[in-house]
Amino acid sequence: MGETMTVTNLTNLTGKDVYTRGAEYVGKVEDAMLDTEKGSISGFTISMARESFLYKTLSQGDQGIKKSVLIPYKEILACKDIVLVTAPKQLLPKQAEEEEDHDESPIPGLVD
């Protein structure tokens, strides 16, 4: 038996809340990025919430305040009522990092 394919409109994902699998709020889906050469989705642009750990972490550098981040499609775990994503361990808050350590799969990084 083959895989079941689920299809959704990208416009239905705009504005959806984005969380890590450790239940950390990231922000909202702002846009989808398409790879026109491959004909596939390359990732989602996420408008980061000011209170999110990701906003606080990425806005501390020399590059100034970042309002959005591109999360590659391979980091998207689920898209339904919310969007569930992975997050790199070095960006996770301490408590969430400990919870993520129980997962055996590697956690790849984000692209901004």
PDB file of N, CA and C in Angstrom:
ATOM      1  N   MET A   1       0.833  -1.183   0.000  1.00  0.00           N
ATOM      2  CA  MET A   1       0.000   0.000   0.000  1.00  0.00           C
ATOM      3  C   MET A   1       0.872   1.238   0.000  1.00  0.00           C
ATOM      4  N   GLY A   2       0.434   2.268  -0.697  1.00  0.00           N
ATOM      5  CA  GLY A   2       1.200   3.495  -0.814  1.00  0.00           C
ATOM      6  C   GLY A   2       0.894   4.489   0.286  1.00  0.00           C
ATOM      7  N   GLU A   3       1.632   5.586   0.257  1.00  0.00           N
ATOM      8  CA  GLU A   3       1.421   6.656   1.227  1.00  0.00           C
ATOM      9  C   GLU A   3       0.152   7.423   0.889  1.00  0.00           C
ATOM     10  N   THR A   4      -0.510   7.943   1.903  1.00  0.00           N
ATOM     11  CA  THR A   4      -1.668   8.786   1.695  1.00  0.00           C
ATOM     12  C   THR A   4      -1.187  10.213   1.523  1.00  0.00           C
ATOM     13  N   MET A   5      -1.630  10.873   0.470  1.00  0.00           N
ATOM     14  CA  MET A   5      -1.201  12.241   0.208  1.00  0.00           C
ATOM     15  C   MET A   5      -2.273  13.213   0.684  1.00  0.00           C
ATOM     16  N   THR A   6      -1.860  14.191   1.452  1.00  0.00           N
ATOM     17  CA  THR A   6      -2.763  15.227   1.911  1.00  0.00           C
ATOM     18  C   THR A   6      -2.441  16.501   1.157  1.00  0.00           C
ATOM     19  N   VAL A   7      -3.460  17.152   0.639  1.00  0.00           N
ATOM     20  CA  VAL A   7      -3.279  18.374  -0.136  1.00  0.00           C
ATOM     21  C   VAL A   7      -3.987  19.512   0.583  1.00  0.00           C
ATOM     22  N   THR A   8      -3.330  20.672   0.636  1.00  0.00           N
ATOM     23  CA  THR A   8      -3.943  21.856   1.226  1.00  0.00           C
ATOM     24  C   THR A   8      -3.547  23.079   0.414  1.00  0.00           C
ATOM     25  N   ASN A   9      -4.355  24.093   0.475  1.00  0.00           N
ATOM     26  CA  ASN A   9      -4.045  25.373  -0.150  1.00  0.00           C
ATOM     27  C   ASN A   9      -3.020  26.101   0.704  1.00  0.00           C
ATOM     28  N   LEU A  10      -2.004  26.666   0.080  1.00  0.00           N
ATOM     29  CA  LEU A  10      -1.007  27.421   0.845  1.00  0.00           C
ATOM     30  C   LEU A  10      -1.639  28.620   1.535  1.00  0.00           C
ATOM     31  N   THR A  11      -2.669  29.204   0.921  1.00  0.00           N
ATOM     32  CA  THR A  11      -3.324  30.355   1.546  1.00  0.00           C
ATOM     33  C   THR A  11      -3.989  29.960   2.862  1.00  0.00           C
ATOM     34  N   ASN A  12      -4.360  28.692   3.015  1.00  0.00           N
ATOM     35  CA  ASN A  12      -4.946  28.227   4.281  1.00  0.00           C
ATOM     36  C   ASN A  12      -3.925  28.206   5.410  1.00  0.00           C
ATOM     37  N   LEU A  13      -2.639  28.154   5.066  1.00  0.00           N
ATOM     38  CA  LEU A  13      -1.591  28.104   6.089  1.00  0.00           C
ATOM     39  C   LEU A  13      -1.174  29.491   6.569  1.00  0.00           C
ATOM     40  N   THR A  14      -1.413  30.513   5.762  1.00  0.00           N
ATOM     41  CA  THR A  14      -1.046  31.877   6.138  1.00  0.00           C
ATOM     42  C   THR A  14      -1.782  32.281   7.414  1.00  0.00           C
ATOM     43  N   GLY A  15      -1.020  32.758   8.381  1.00  0.00           N
ATOM     44  CA  GLY A  15      -1.596  33.187   9.653  1.00  0.00           C
ATOM     45  C   GLY A  15      -1.691  32.093  10.703  1.00  0.00           C
ATOM     46  N   LYS A  16      -1.366  30.855  10.331  1.00  0.00           N
ATOM     47  CA  LYS A  16      -1.421  29.751  11.304  1.00  0.00           C
ATOM     48  C   LYS A  16      -0.309  29.918  12.341  1.00  0.00           C
ATOM     49  N   ASP A  17      -0.611  29.538  13.578  1.00  0.00           N
ATOM     50  CA  ASP A  17       0.388  29.565  14.643  1.00  0.00           C
ATOM     51  C   ASP A  17       1.442  28.495  14.399  1.00  0.00           C
ATOM     52  N   VAL A  18       2.694  28.825  14.733  1.00  0.00           N
ATOM     53  CA  VAL A  18       3.819  27.911  14.551  1.00  0.00           C
ATOM     54  C   VAL A  18       4.429  27.607  15.921  1.00  0.00           C
ATOM     55  N   TYR A  19       4.583  26.317  16.207  1.00  0.00           N
ATOM     56  CA  TYR A  19       5.171  25.850  17.461  1.00  0.00           C
ATOM     57  C   TYR A  19       6.274  24.842  17.160  1.00  0.00           C
ATOM     58  N   THR A  20       7.238  24.742  18.079  1.00  0.00           N
ATOM     59  CA  THR A  20       8.221  23.661  17.983  1.00  0.00           C
ATOM     60  C   THR A  20       7.573  22.410  18.560  1.00  0.00           C
ATOM     61  N   ARG A  21       8.185  21.265  18.317  1.00  0.00           N
ATOM     62  CA  ARG A  21       7.630  20.029  18.875  1.00  0.00           C
ATOM     63  C   ARG A  21       7.771  19.992  20.390  1.00  0.00           C
ATOM     64  N   GLY A  22       8.536  20.911  20.954  1.00  0.00           N
ATOM     65  CA  GLY A  22       8.641  21.055  22.402  1.00  0.00           C
ATOM     66  C   GLY A  22       7.631  22.048  22.956  1.00  0.00           C
ATOM     67  N   ALA A  23       6.643  22.448  22.143  1.00  0.00           N
ATOM     68  CA  ALA A  23       5.541  23.346  22.525  1.00  0.00           C
ATOM     69  C   ALA A  23       5.976  24.792  22.751  1.00  0.00           C
ATOM     70  N   GLU A  24       7.089  25.207  22.167  1.00  0.00           N
ATOM     71  CA  GLU A  24       7.530  26.603  22.241  1.00  0.00           C
ATOM     72  C   GLU A  24       6.895  27.374  21.088  1.00  0.00           C
ATOM     73  N   TYR A  25       6.230  28.486  21.401  1.00  0.00           N
ATOM     74  CA  TYR A  25       5.593  29.302  20.370  1.00  0.00           C
ATOM     75  C   TYR A  25       6.655  30.051  19.577  1.00  0.00           C
ATOM     76  N   VAL A  26       6.547  30.020  18.242  1.00  0.00           N
ATOM     77  CA  VAL A  26       7.507  30.695  17.371  1.00  0.00           C
ATOM     78  C   VAL A  26       6.900  31.947  16.752  1.00  0.00           C
ATOM     79  N   GLY A  27       5.700  31.847  16.212  1.00  0.00           N
ATOM     80  CA  GLY A  27       5.064  32.975  15.540  1.00  0.00           C
ATOM     81  C   GLY A  27       3.970  32.492  14.609  1.00  0.00           C
ATOM     82  N   LYS A  28       3.812  33.194  13.472  1.00  0.00           N
ATOM     83  CA  LYS A  28       2.757  32.854  12.512  1.00  0.00           C
ATOM     84  C   LYS A  28       3.337  32.707  11.112  1.00  0.00           C
ATOM     85  N   VAL A  29       2.723  31.809  10.327  1.00  0.00           N
ATOM     86  CA  VAL A  29       3.131  31.639   8.934  1.00  0.00           C
ATOM     87  C   VAL A  29       2.810  32.927   8.187  1.00  0.00           C
ATOM     88  N   GLU A  30       3.826  33.474   7.529  1.00  0.00           N
ATOM     89  CA  GLU A  30       3.686  34.716   6.778  1.00  0.00           C
ATOM     90  C   GLU A  30       3.564  34.443   5.283  1.00  0.00           C
ATOM     91  N   ASP A  31       4.368  33.495   4.793  1.00  0.00           N
ATOM     92  CA  ASP A  31       4.417  33.232   3.355  1.00  0.00           C
ATOM     93  C   ASP A  31       5.053  31.870   3.111  1.00  0.00           C
ATOM     94  N   ALA A  32       4.873  31.366   1.917  1.00  0.00           N
ATOM     95  CA  ALA A  32       5.537  30.127   1.496  1.00  0.00           C
ATOM     96  C   ALA A  32       6.555  30.489   0.428  1.00  0.00           C
ATOM     97  N   MET A  33       7.710  29.869   0.496  1.00  0.00           N
ATOM     98  CA  MET A  33       8.762  30.100  -0.492  1.00  0.00           C
ATOM     99  C   MET A  33       8.797  28.910  -1.442  1.00  0.00           C
ATOM    100  N   LEU A  34       8.767  29.190  -2.749  1.00  0.00           N
ATOM    101  CA  LEU A  34       8.750  28.137  -3.759  1.00  0.00           C
ATOM    102  C   LEU A  34      10.081  28.050  -4.481  1.00  0.00           C
ATOM    103  N   ASP A  35      10.509  26.841  -4.764  1.00  0.00           N
ATOM    104  CA  ASP A  35      11.680  26.600  -5.602  1.00  0.00           C
ATOM    105  C   ASP A  35      11.136  26.385  -7.007  1.00  0.00           C
ATOM    106  N   THR A  36      11.236  27.409  -7.842  1.00  0.00           N
ATOM    107  CA  THR A  36      10.638  27.342  -9.176  1.00  0.00           C
ATOM    108  C   THR A  36      11.368  26.378 -10.103  1.00  0.00           C
ATOM    109  N   GLU A  37      12.635  26.114  -9.827  1.00  0.00           N
ATOM    110  CA  GLU A  37      13.377  25.158 -10.654  1.00  0.00           C
ATOM    111  C   GLU A  37      12.938  23.724 -10.371  1.00  0.00           C
ATOM    112  N   LYS A  38      12.724  23.409  -9.100  1.00  0.00           N
ATOM    113  CA  LYS A  38      12.330  22.052  -8.718  1.00  0.00           C
ATOM    114  C   LYS A  38      10.815  21.872  -8.701  1.00  0.00           C
ATOM    115  N   GLY A  39      10.088  22.990  -8.662  1.00  0.00           N
ATOM    116  CA  GLY A  39       8.635  22.911  -8.587  1.00  0.00           C
ATOM    117  C   GLY A  39       8.146  22.408  -7.243  1.00  0.00           C
ATOM    118  N   SER A  40       8.820  22.860  -6.175  1.00  0.00           N
ATOM    119  CA  SER A  40       8.449  22.405  -4.836  1.00  0.00           C
ATOM    120  C   SER A  40       8.519  23.558  -3.835  1.00  0.00           C
ATOM    121  N   ILE A  41       7.960  23.322  -2.664  1.00  0.00           N
ATOM    122  CA  ILE A  41       8.014  24.308  -1.583  1.00  0.00           C
ATOM    123  C   ILE A  41       9.376  24.195  -0.916  1.00  0.00           C
ATOM    124  N   SER A  42      10.083  25.317  -0.793  1.00  0.00           N
ATOM    125  CA  SER A  42      11.395  25.274  -0.141  1.00  0.00           C
ATOM    126  C   SER A  42      11.299  25.597   1.345  1.00  0.00           C
ATOM    127  N   GLY A  43      10.256  26.311   1.757  1.00  0.00           N
ATOM    128  CA  GLY A  43      10.105  26.621   3.169  1.00  0.00           C
ATOM    129  C   GLY A  43       9.005  27.625   3.421  1.00  0.00           C
ATOM    130  N   PHE A  44       8.838  27.961   4.686  1.00  0.00           N
ATOM    131  CA  PHE A  44       7.851  28.952   5.097  1.00  0.00           C
ATOM    132  C   PHE A  44       8.554  30.121   5.767  1.00  0.00           C
ATOM    133  N   THR A  45       8.115  31.323   5.456  1.00  0.00           N
ATOM    134  CA  THR A  45       8.576  32.504   6.173  1.00  0.00           C
ATOM    135  C   THR A  45       7.668  32.654   7.386  1.00  0.00           C
ATOM    136  N   ILE A  46       8.277  32.735   8.556  1.00  0.00           N
ATOM    137  CA  ILE A  46       7.538  32.835   9.811  1.00  0.00           C
ATOM    138  C   ILE A  46       7.756  34.215  10.411  1.00  0.00           C
ATOM    139  N   SER A  47       6.662  34.906  10.677  1.00  0.00           N
ATOM    140  CA  SER A  47       6.715  36.181  11.376  1.00  0.00           C
ATOM    141  C   SER A  47       6.836  35.850  12.861  1.00  0.00           C
ATOM    142  N   MET A  48       8.005  36.143  13.426  1.00  0.00           N
ATOM    143  CA  MET A  48       8.268  35.741  14.812  1.00  0.00           C
ATOM    144  C   MET A  48       7.552  36.645  15.808  1.00  0.00           C
ATOM    145  N   ALA A  49       6.977  36.032  16.823  1.00  0.00           N
ATOM    146  CA  ALA A  49       6.353  36.782  17.908  1.00  0.00           C
ATOM    147  C   ALA A  49       7.455  37.359  18.789  1.00  0.00           C
ATOM    148  N   ARG A  50       7.260  38.585  19.269  1.00  0.00           N
ATOM    149  CA  ARG A  50       8.273  39.241  20.102  1.00  0.00           C
ATOM    150  C   ARG A  50       8.587  38.440  21.366  1.00  0.00           C
ATOM    151  N   GLU A  51       7.587  37.726  21.872  1.00  0.00           N
ATOM    152  CA  GLU A  51       7.800  36.947  23.100  1.00  0.00           C
ATOM    153  C   GLU A  51       8.400  35.569  22.834  1.00  0.00           C
ATOM    154  N   SER A  52       8.565  35.207  21.576  1.00  0.00           N
ATOM    155  CA  SER A  52       9.081  33.866  21.275  1.00  0.00           C
ATOM    156  C   SER A  52      10.581  33.769  21.560  1.00  0.00           C
ATOM    157  N   PHE A  53      11.006  32.590  21.955  1.00  0.00           N
ATOM    158  CA  PHE A  53      12.420  32.353  22.235  1.00  0.00           C
ATOM    159  C   PHE A  53      13.263  32.576  20.983  1.00  0.00           C
ATOM    160  N   LEU A  54      12.726  32.250  19.828  1.00  0.00           N
ATOM    161  CA  LEU A  54      13.478  32.378  18.583  1.00  0.00           C
ATOM    162  C   LEU A  54      13.735  33.849  18.252  1.00  0.00           C
ATOM    163  N   TYR A  55      12.733  34.698  18.444  1.00  0.00           N
ATOM    164  CA  TYR A  55      12.888  36.137  18.215  1.00  0.00           C
ATOM    165  C   TYR A  55      13.969  36.694  19.141  1.00  0.00           C
ATOM    166  N   LYS A  56      13.889  36.343  20.411  1.00  0.00           N
ATOM    167  CA  LYS A  56      14.857  36.848  21.397  1.00  0.00           C
ATOM    168  C   LYS A  56      16.269  36.368  21.081  1.00  0.00           C
ATOM    169  N   THR A  57      16.393  35.116  20.656  1.00  0.00           N
ATOM    170  CA  THR A  57      17.707  34.552  20.354  1.00  0.00           C
ATOM    171  C   THR A  57      18.306  35.169  19.101  1.00  0.00           C
ATOM    172  N   LEU A  58      17.531  35.248  18.029  1.00  0.00           N
ATOM    173  CA  LEU A  58      18.054  35.744  16.756  1.00  0.00           C
ATOM    174  C   LEU A  58      18.237  37.256  16.727  1.00  0.00           C
ATOM    175  N   SER A  59      17.577  37.984  17.611  1.00  0.00           N
ATOM    176  CA  SER A  59      17.687  39.444  17.626  1.00  0.00           C
ATOM    177  C   SER A  59      18.797  39.945  18.540  1.00  0.00           C
ATOM    178  N   GLN A  60      19.569  39.054  19.135  1.00  0.00           N
ATOM    179  CA  GLN A  60      20.644  39.457  20.039  1.00  0.00           C
ATOM    180  C   GLN A  60      21.954  39.718  19.323  1.00  0.00           C
ATOM    181  N   GLY A  61      22.072  39.315  18.080  1.00  0.00           N
ATOM    182  CA  GLY A  61      23.338  39.436  17.358  1.00  0.00           C
ATOM    183  C   GLY A  61      23.612  40.836  16.853  1.00  0.00           C
ATOM    184  N   ASP A  62      24.692  40.961  16.108  1.00  0.00           N
ATOM    185  CA  ASP A  62      25.115  42.243  15.551  1.00  0.00           C
ATOM    186  C   ASP A  62      24.255  42.693  14.377  1.00  0.00           C
ATOM    187  N   GLN A  63      23.430  41.799  13.850  1.00  0.00           N
ATOM    188  CA  GLN A  63      22.643  42.119  12.665  1.00  0.00           C
ATOM    189  C   GLN A  63      21.347  42.849  12.988  1.00  0.00           C
ATOM    190  N   GLY A  64      21.078  43.110  14.233  1.00  0.00           N
ATOM    191  CA  GLY A  64      19.881  43.845  14.604  1.00  0.00           C
ATOM    192  C   GLY A  64      18.673  42.938  14.779  1.00  0.00           C
ATOM    193  N   ILE A  65      17.518  43.568  14.889  1.00  0.00           N
ATOM    194  CA  ILE A  65      16.282  42.845  15.155  1.00  0.00           C
ATOM    195  C   ILE A  65      15.769  42.182  13.887  1.00  0.00           C
ATOM    196  N   LYS A  66      15.451  40.909  14.005  1.00  0.00           N
ATOM    197  CA  LYS A  66      14.873  40.159  12.892  1.00  0.00           C
ATOM    198  C   LYS A  66      13.392  39.968  13.179  1.00  0.00           C
ATOM    199  N   LYS A  67      12.570  40.212  12.176  1.00  0.00           N
ATOM    200  CA  LYS A  67      11.130  40.068  12.360  1.00  0.00           C
ATOM    201  C   LYS A  67      10.601  38.757  11.814  1.00  0.00           C
ATOM    202  N   SER A  68      11.336  38.174  10.887  1.00  0.00           N
ATOM    203  CA  SER A  68      10.883  36.906  10.331  1.00  0.00           C
ATOM    204  C   SER A  68      12.068  35.990  10.073  1.00  0.00           C
ATOM    205  N   VAL A  69      11.762  34.712   9.925  1.00  0.00           N
ATOM    206  CA  VAL A  69      12.781  33.700   9.700  1.00  0.00           C
ATOM    207  C   VAL A  69      12.233  32.704   8.680  1.00  0.00           C
ATOM    208  N   LEU A  70      13.112  32.181   7.835  1.00  0.00           N
ATOM    209  CA  LEU A  70      12.724  31.161   6.868  1.00  0.00           C
ATOM    210  C   LEU A  70      12.989  29.792   7.481  1.00  0.00           C
ATOM    211  N   ILE A  71      11.955  28.994   7.578  1.00  0.00           N
ATOM    212  CA  ILE A  71      12.105  27.633   8.073  1.00  0.00           C
ATOM    213  C   ILE A  71      11.990  26.702   6.872  1.00  0.00           C
ATOM    214  N   PRO A  72      13.053  25.945   6.588  1.00  0.00           N
ATOM    215  CA  PRO A  72      13.030  25.037   5.435  1.00  0.00           C
ATOM    216  C   PRO A  72      11.903  24.003   5.545  1.00  0.00           C
ATOM    217  N   TYR A  73      11.387  23.601   4.415  1.00  0.00           N
ATOM    218  CA  TYR A  73      10.277  22.651   4.389  1.00  0.00           C
ATOM    219  C   TYR A  73      10.614  21.350   5.119  1.00  0.00           C
ATOM    220  N   LYS A  74      11.862  20.916   5.042  1.00  0.00           N
ATOM    221  CA  LYS A  74      12.245  19.663   5.713  1.00  0.00           C
ATOM    222  C   LYS A  74      12.131  19.756   7.232  1.00  0.00           C
ATOM    223  N   GLU A  75      12.030  20.980   7.770  1.00  0.00           N
ATOM    224  CA  GLU A  75      11.884  21.187   9.214  1.00  0.00           C
ATOM    225  C   GLU A  75      10.419  21.199   9.649  1.00  0.00           C
ATOM    226  N   ILE A  76       9.496  21.171   8.685  1.00  0.00           N
ATOM    227  CA  ILE A  76       8.067  21.199   8.989  1.00  0.00           C
ATOM    228  C   ILE A  76       7.622  19.778   9.313  1.00  0.00           C
ATOM    229  N   LEU A  77       7.084  19.582  10.507  1.00  0.00           N
ATOM    230  CA  LEU A  77       6.644  18.256  10.930  1.00  0.00           C
ATOM    231  C   LEU A  77       5.179  18.010  10.612  1.00  0.00           C
ATOM    232  N   ALA A  78       4.336  19.046  10.742  1.00  0.00           N
ATOM    233  CA  ALA A  78       2.906  18.892  10.501  1.00  0.00           C
ATOM    234  C   ALA A  78       2.282  20.249  10.217  1.00  0.00           C
ATOM    235  N   CYS A  79       1.241  20.236   9.395  1.00  0.00           N
ATOM    236  CA  CYS A  79       0.467  21.438   9.068  1.00  0.00           C
ATOM    237  C   CYS A  79      -1.008  21.070   9.118  1.00  0.00           C
ATOM    238  N   LYS A  80      -1.693  21.522  10.143  1.00  0.00           N
ATOM    239  CA  LYS A  80      -3.129  21.303  10.211  1.00  0.00           C
ATOM    240  C   LYS A  80      -3.737  22.518  10.896  1.00  0.00           C
ATOM    241  N   ASP A  81      -4.151  22.379  12.160  1.00  0.00           N
ATOM    242  CA  ASP A  81      -4.666  23.532  12.896  1.00  0.00           C
ATOM    243  C   ASP A  81      -3.540  24.478  13.275  1.00  0.00           C
ATOM    244  N   ILE A  82      -2.353  23.902  13.503  1.00  0.00           N
ATOM    245  CA  ILE A  82      -1.133  24.671  13.748  1.00  0.00           C
ATOM    246  C   ILE A  82      -0.045  24.100  12.849  1.00  0.00           C
ATOM    247  N   VAL A  83       1.095  24.784  12.802  1.00  0.00           N
ATOM    248  CA  VAL A  83       2.254  24.269  12.076  1.00  0.00           C
ATOM    249  C   VAL A  83       3.284  23.873  13.125  1.00  0.00           C
ATOM    250  N   LEU A  84       3.750  22.639  13.031  1.00  0.00           N
ATOM    251  CA  LEU A  84       4.709  22.091  13.983  1.00  0.00           C
ATOM    252  C   LEU A  84       6.057  21.968  13.295  1.00  0.00           C
ATOM    253  N   VAL A  85       7.112  22.532  13.924  1.00  0.00           N
ATOM    254  CA  VAL A  85       8.440  22.554  13.306  1.00  0.00           C
ATOM    255  C   VAL A  85       9.498  22.031  14.269  1.00  0.00           C
ATOM    256  N   THR A  86      10.651  21.657  13.714  1.00  0.00           N
ATOM    257  CA  THR A  86      11.803  21.343  14.552  1.00  0.00           C
ATOM    258  C   THR A  86      12.577  22.639  14.762  1.00  0.00           C
ATOM    259  N   ALA A  87      13.431  22.646  15.761  1.00  0.00           N
ATOM    260  CA  ALA A  87      14.273  23.813  16.028  1.00  0.00           C
ATOM    261  C   ALA A  87      15.647  23.322  16.442  1.00  0.00           C
ATOM    262  N   PRO A  88      16.709  24.040  16.061  1.00  0.00           N
ATOM    263  CA  PRO A  88      18.051  23.608  16.443  1.00  0.00           C
ATOM    264  C   PRO A  88      18.251  23.699  17.951  1.00  0.00           C
ATOM    265  N   LYS A  89      18.976  22.731  18.516  1.00  0.00           N
ATOM    266  CA  LYS A  89      19.184  22.676  19.968  1.00  0.00           C
ATOM    267  C   LYS A  89      19.818  23.945  20.518  1.00  0.00           C
ATOM    268  N   GLN A  90      20.738  24.549  19.756  1.00  0.00           N
ATOM    269  CA  GLN A  90      21.432  25.730  20.266  1.00  0.00           C
ATOM    270  C   GLN A  90      20.500  26.934  20.420  1.00  0.00           C
ATOM    271  N   LEU A  91      19.318  26.896  19.806  1.00  0.00           N
ATOM    272  CA  LEU A  91      18.381  28.009  19.924  1.00  0.00           C
ATOM    273  C   LEU A  91      17.256  27.736  20.910  1.00  0.00           C
ATOM    274  N   LEU A  92      17.143  26.492  21.382  1.00  0.00           N
ATOM    275  CA  LEU A  92      16.055  26.145  22.285  1.00  0.00           C
ATOM    276  C   LEU A  92      16.324  26.640  23.698  1.00  0.00           C
ATOM    277  N   PRO A  93      15.261  27.085  24.403  1.00  0.00           N
ATOM    278  CA  PRO A  93      15.426  27.410  25.816  1.00  0.00           C
ATOM    279  C   PRO A  93      15.855  26.148  26.568  1.00  0.00           C
ATOM    280  N   LYS A  94      16.514  26.296  27.694  1.00  0.00           N
ATOM    281  CA  LYS A  94      17.097  25.172  28.440  1.00  0.00           C
ATOM    282  C   LYS A  94      16.087  24.055  28.706  1.00  0.00           C
ATOM    283  N   GLN A  95      14.901  24.375  29.211  1.00  0.00           N
ATOM    284  CA  GLN A  95      13.905  23.360  29.546  1.00  0.00           C
ATOM    285  C   GLN A  95      13.456  22.602  28.294  1.00  0.00           C
ATOM    286  N   ALA A  96      13.195  23.300  27.218  1.00  0.00           N
ATOM    287  CA  ALA A  96      12.763  22.653  25.981  1.00  0.00           C
ATOM    288  C   ALA A  96      13.883  21.797  25.412  1.00  0.00           C
ATOM    289  N   GLU A  97      15.124  22.236  25.582  1.00  0.00           N
ATOM    290  CA  GLU A  97      16.272  21.477  25.085  1.00  0.00           C
ATOM    291  C   GLU A  97      16.350  20.120  25.775  1.00  0.00           C
ATOM    292  N   GLU A  98      16.094  20.092  27.081  1.00  0.00           N
ATOM    293  CA  GLU A  98      16.120  18.835  27.817  1.00  0.00           C
ATOM    294  C   GLU A  98      15.028  17.898  27.331  1.00  0.00           C
ATOM    295  N   GLU A  99      13.837  18.437  27.023  1.00  0.00           N
ATOM    296  CA  GLU A  99      12.743  17.627  26.499  1.00  0.00           C
ATOM    297  C   GLU A  99      13.096  17.089  25.122  1.00  0.00           C
ATOM    298  N   GLU A 100      13.738  17.894  24.291  1.00  0.00           N
ATOM    299  CA  GLU A 100      14.100  17.490  22.940  1.00  0.00           C
ATOM    300  C   GLU A 100      15.172  16.407  22.959  1.00  0.00           C
ATOM    301  N   ASP A 101      16.000  16.339  24.006  1.00  0.00           N
ATOM    302  CA  ASP A 101      17.060  15.341  24.098  1.00  0.00           C
ATOM    303  C   ASP A 101      16.513  13.921  24.145  1.00  0.00           C
ATOM    304  N   HIS A 102      15.250  13.772  24.520  1.00  0.00           N
ATOM    305  CA  HIS A 102      14.649  12.447  24.592  1.00  0.00           C
ATOM    306  C   HIS A 102      14.298  11.908  23.218  1.00  0.00           C
ATOM    307  N   ASP A 103      14.318  12.724  22.217  1.00  0.00           N
ATOM    308  CA  ASP A 103      14.033  12.307  20.848  1.00  0.00           C
ATOM    309  C   ASP A 103      15.320  11.784  20.226  1.00  0.00           C
ATOM    310  N   GLU A 104      15.242  10.658  19.551  1.00  0.00           N
ATOM    311  CA  GLU A 104      16.435  10.051  18.985  1.00  0.00           C
ATOM    312  C   GLU A 104      16.850  10.665  17.659  1.00  0.00           C
ATOM    313  N   SER A 105      15.945  11.346  16.978  1.00  0.00           N
ATOM    314  CA  SER A 105      16.283  11.895  15.668  1.00  0.00           C
ATOM    315  C   SER A 105      17.089  13.184  15.809  1.00  0.00           C
ATOM    316  N   PRO A 106      18.012  13.445  14.874  1.00  0.00           N
ATOM    317  CA  PRO A 106      18.795  14.685  14.928  1.00  0.00           C
ATOM    318  C   PRO A 106      17.918  15.895  14.635  1.00  0.00           C
ATOM    319  N   ILE A 107      18.316  17.033  15.160  1.00  0.00           N
ATOM    320  CA  ILE A 107      17.568  18.263  14.925  1.00  0.00           C
ATOM    321  C   ILE A 107      18.419  19.180  14.069  1.00  0.00           C
ATOM    322  N   PRO A 108      18.093  19.304  12.788  1.00  0.00           N
ATOM    323  CA  PRO A 108      18.863  20.185  11.912  1.00  0.00           C
ATOM    324  C   PRO A 108      18.590  21.656  12.205  1.00  0.00           C
ATOM    325  N   GLY A 109      19.427  22.538  11.683  1.00  0.00           N
ATOM    326  CA  GLY A 109      19.306  23.961  11.949  1.00  0.00           C
ATOM    327  C   GLY A 109      18.331  24.687  11.053  1.00  0.00           C
ATOM    328  N   LEU A 110      18.057  25.919  11.406  1.00  0.00           N
ATOM    329  CA  LEU A 110      17.177  26.788  10.630  1.00  0.00           C
ATOM    330  C   LEU A 110      17.998  27.644   9.687  1.00  0.00           C
ATOM    331  N   VAL A 111      17.365  28.127   8.650  1.00  0.00           N
ATOM    332  CA  VAL A 111      18.000  29.063   7.729  1.00  0.00           C
ATOM    333  C   VAL A 111      17.301  30.394   7.898  1.00  0.00           C
ATOM    334  N   ASP A 112      18.051  31.464   8.088  1.00  0.00           N
ATOM    335  CA  ASP A 112      17.385  32.769   8.183  1.00  0.00           C
ATOM    336  C   ASP A 112      17.843  33.687   7.107  1.00  0.00           C
TER     337      ASP A 112
END
